[in-house]
Amino acid sequence: MVFLLLTSNRIIIKFILLTSLINYFYVDNTVSLCMKSGRAASLKIQELTETLLSLSTYTLHIL
């Protein structure tokens, strides 16, 4: 029983890390593309920052 719990926690943590890594590259590429249009870039960066903050909060809540 304990082994299953530890295994499921490892899977969840790996999933969260993988999701965070994917989000990091997505944000990096999106910001690079948006930099060509000033105002749209600042709005997109704000939106992505809020998304990352909510993801971090969710991750801490799970752990």
N, C-alpha and C. Protein backbone atom coordinates (compact mmCIF):
# COMPACT_ATOMS: atom_id res chain seq x y z
N MET A 1 0.83 -1.20 0.00
CA MET A 1 0.00 0.00 0.00
C MET A 1 0.87 1.26 0.00
N VAL A 2 1.87 1.28 0.87
CA VAL A 2 2.76 2.44 0.95
C VAL A 2 3.54 2.60 -0.35
N PHE A 3 3.96 1.46 -0.93
CA PHE A 3 4.69 1.51 -2.20
C PHE A 3 3.85 2.14 -3.30
N LEU A 4 2.57 1.76 -3.35
CA LEU A 4 1.67 2.33 -4.37
C LEU A 4 1.51 3.83 -4.17
N LEU A 5 1.42 4.25 -2.94
CA LEU A 5 1.28 5.67 -2.64
C LEU A 5 2.52 6.44 -3.06
N LEU A 6 3.70 5.90 -2.75
CA LEU A 6 4.95 6.55 -3.15
C LEU A 6 5.10 6.59 -4.66
N THR A 7 4.72 5.50 -5.32
CA THR A 7 4.81 5.45 -6.78
C THR A 7 3.88 6.46 -7.41
N SER A 8 2.66 6.56 -6.90
CA SER A 8 1.72 7.53 -7.47
C SER A 8 2.18 8.96 -7.23
N ASN A 9 2.79 9.22 -6.08
CA ASN A 9 3.33 10.56 -5.81
C ASN A 9 4.47 10.89 -6.77
N ARG A 10 5.33 9.92 -7.05
CA ARG A 10 6.42 10.15 -8.00
C ARG A 10 5.88 10.45 -9.39
N ILE A 11 4.85 9.71 -9.79
CA ILE A 11 4.25 9.94 -11.11
C ILE A 11 3.65 11.34 -11.17
N ILE A 12 2.96 11.75 -10.12
CA ILE A 12 2.36 13.09 -10.09
C ILE A 12 3.44 14.16 -10.15
N ILE A 13 4.51 13.99 -9.39
CA ILE A 13 5.59 14.98 -9.38
C ILE A 13 6.26 15.05 -10.75
N LYS A 14 6.51 13.89 -11.38
CA LYS A 14 7.10 13.89 -12.72
C LYS A 14 6.18 14.58 -13.72
N PHE A 15 4.88 14.34 -13.61
CA PHE A 15 3.93 14.99 -14.50
C PHE A 15 3.96 16.51 -14.32
N ILE A 16 4.00 16.95 -13.07
CA ILE A 16 4.04 18.39 -12.79
C ILE A 16 5.32 19.01 -13.34
N LEU A 17 6.45 18.33 -13.15
CA LEU A 17 7.72 18.85 -13.67
C LEU A 17 7.72 18.91 -15.19
N LEU A 18 7.18 17.88 -15.83
CA LEU A 18 7.11 17.86 -17.29
C LEU A 18 6.20 18.98 -17.79
N THR A 19 5.06 19.16 -17.14
CA THR A 19 4.13 20.23 -17.51
C THR A 19 4.79 21.59 -17.34
N SER A 20 5.53 21.77 -16.26
CA SER A 20 6.21 23.04 -16.03
C SER A 20 7.26 23.31 -17.10
N LEU A 21 7.98 22.27 -17.49
CA LEU A 21 9.00 22.41 -18.53
C LEU A 21 8.36 22.79 -19.87
N ILE A 22 7.26 22.12 -20.22
CA ILE A 22 6.55 22.45 -21.46
C ILE A 22 6.05 23.89 -21.40
N ASN A 23 5.48 24.29 -20.27
CA ASN A 23 4.99 25.66 -20.13
C ASN A 23 6.12 26.67 -20.25
N TYR A 24 7.29 26.35 -19.72
CA TYR A 24 8.43 27.26 -19.80
C TYR A 24 8.80 27.52 -21.26
N PHE A 25 8.91 26.45 -22.05
CA PHE A 25 9.27 26.64 -23.46
C PHE A 25 8.16 27.34 -24.23
N TYR A 26 6.90 27.03 -23.89
CA TYR A 26 5.77 27.70 -24.54
C TYR A 26 5.81 29.20 -24.26
N VAL A 27 6.02 29.55 -23.00
CA VAL A 27 6.08 30.96 -22.62
C VAL A 27 7.24 31.65 -23.33
N ASP A 28 8.40 31.00 -23.37
CA ASP A 28 9.58 31.58 -24.00
C ASP A 28 9.32 31.87 -25.48
N ASN A 29 8.75 30.90 -26.19
CA ASN A 29 8.47 31.09 -27.61
C ASN A 29 7.39 32.12 -27.84
N THR A 30 6.35 32.12 -27.01
CA THR A 30 5.26 33.07 -27.17
C THR A 30 5.74 34.49 -26.93
N VAL A 31 6.56 34.68 -25.90
CA VAL A 31 7.08 36.01 -25.60
C VAL A 31 7.96 36.49 -26.75
N SER A 32 8.79 35.60 -27.30
CA SER A 32 9.65 35.98 -28.42
C SER A 32 8.81 36.42 -29.62
N LEU A 33 7.74 35.69 -29.89
CA LEU A 33 6.88 36.03 -31.03
C LEU A 33 6.12 37.32 -30.77
N CYS A 34 5.68 37.52 -29.54
CA CYS A 34 4.87 38.69 -29.22
C CYS A 34 5.69 39.97 -29.14
N MET A 35 6.99 39.87 -28.97
CA MET A 35 7.82 41.06 -28.84
C MET A 35 7.77 41.95 -30.07
N LYS A 36 7.32 41.38 -31.18
CA LYS A 36 7.24 42.16 -32.42
C LYS A 36 6.10 43.17 -32.38
N SER A 37 5.12 42.96 -31.50
CA SER A 37 4.01 43.91 -31.40
C SER A 37 3.87 44.33 -29.94
N GLY A 38 4.32 45.54 -29.63
CA GLY A 38 4.46 46.05 -28.27
C GLY A 38 3.34 45.80 -27.29
N ARG A 39 2.16 46.39 -27.51
CA ARG A 39 1.07 46.29 -26.54
C ARG A 39 0.59 44.86 -26.38
N ALA A 40 0.45 44.16 -27.49
CA ALA A 40 0.02 42.76 -27.43
C ALA A 40 1.01 41.94 -26.61
N ALA A 41 2.28 42.28 -26.72
CA ALA A 41 3.30 41.54 -25.98
C ALA A 41 3.11 41.72 -24.48
N SER A 42 2.88 42.95 -24.03
CA SER A 42 2.73 43.17 -22.59
C SER A 42 1.49 42.48 -22.05
N LEU A 43 0.41 42.47 -22.82
CA LEU A 43 -0.81 41.78 -22.38
C LEU A 43 -0.58 40.27 -22.32
N LYS A 44 0.11 39.74 -23.31
CA LYS A 44 0.36 38.30 -23.35
C LYS A 44 1.29 37.89 -22.20
N ILE A 45 2.31 38.69 -21.94
CA ILE A 45 3.23 38.39 -20.84
C ILE A 45 2.48 38.39 -19.51
N GLN A 46 1.57 39.36 -19.33
CA GLN A 46 0.79 39.42 -18.10
C GLN A 46 -0.08 38.18 -17.96
N GLU A 47 -0.72 37.78 -19.05
CA GLU A 47 -1.58 36.59 -19.03
C GLU A 47 -0.77 35.33 -18.71
N LEU A 48 0.40 35.20 -19.33
CA LEU A 48 1.24 34.03 -19.09
C LEU A 48 1.78 34.00 -17.66
N THR A 49 2.11 35.17 -17.13
CA THR A 49 2.58 35.25 -15.75
C THR A 49 1.50 34.79 -14.78
N GLU A 50 0.26 35.23 -15.01
CA GLU A 50 -0.85 34.80 -14.16
C GLU A 50 -1.05 33.29 -14.25
N THR A 51 -0.92 32.74 -15.46
CA THR A 51 -1.07 31.29 -15.64
C THR A 51 0.01 30.54 -14.87
N LEU A 52 1.25 31.01 -14.96
CA LEU A 52 2.34 30.34 -14.24
C LEU A 52 2.18 30.45 -12.73
N LEU A 53 1.71 31.59 -12.26
CA LEU A 53 1.48 31.74 -10.81
C LEU A 53 0.39 30.79 -10.33
N SER A 54 -0.68 30.65 -11.11
CA SER A 54 -1.75 29.74 -10.70
C SER A 54 -1.25 28.30 -10.75
N LEU A 55 -0.41 27.96 -11.73
CA LEU A 55 0.16 26.62 -11.81
C LEU A 55 1.05 26.34 -10.60
N SER A 56 1.85 27.33 -10.20
CA SER A 56 2.72 27.16 -9.03
C SER A 56 1.91 26.97 -7.77
N THR A 57 0.84 27.75 -7.62
CA THR A 57 -0.03 27.62 -6.46
C THR A 57 -0.67 26.25 -6.42
N TYR A 58 -1.13 25.77 -7.57
CA TYR A 58 -1.75 24.45 -7.67
C TYR A 58 -0.74 23.36 -7.32
N THR A 59 0.49 23.50 -7.81
CA THR A 59 1.54 22.52 -7.52
C THR A 59 1.83 22.47 -6.02
N LEU A 60 1.96 23.62 -5.39
CA LEU A 60 2.21 23.65 -3.95
C LEU A 60 1.05 23.07 -3.17
N HIS A 61 -0.17 23.29 -3.65
CA HIS A 61 -1.35 22.75 -2.98
C HIS A 61 -1.34 21.22 -3.03
N ILE A 62 -0.92 20.65 -4.16
CA ILE A 62 -0.87 19.19 -4.30
C ILE A 62 0.19 18.60 -3.38
N LEU A 63 1.36 19.24 -3.34
CA LEU A 63 2.45 18.71 -2.52
C LEU A 63 2.19 18.97 -1.06
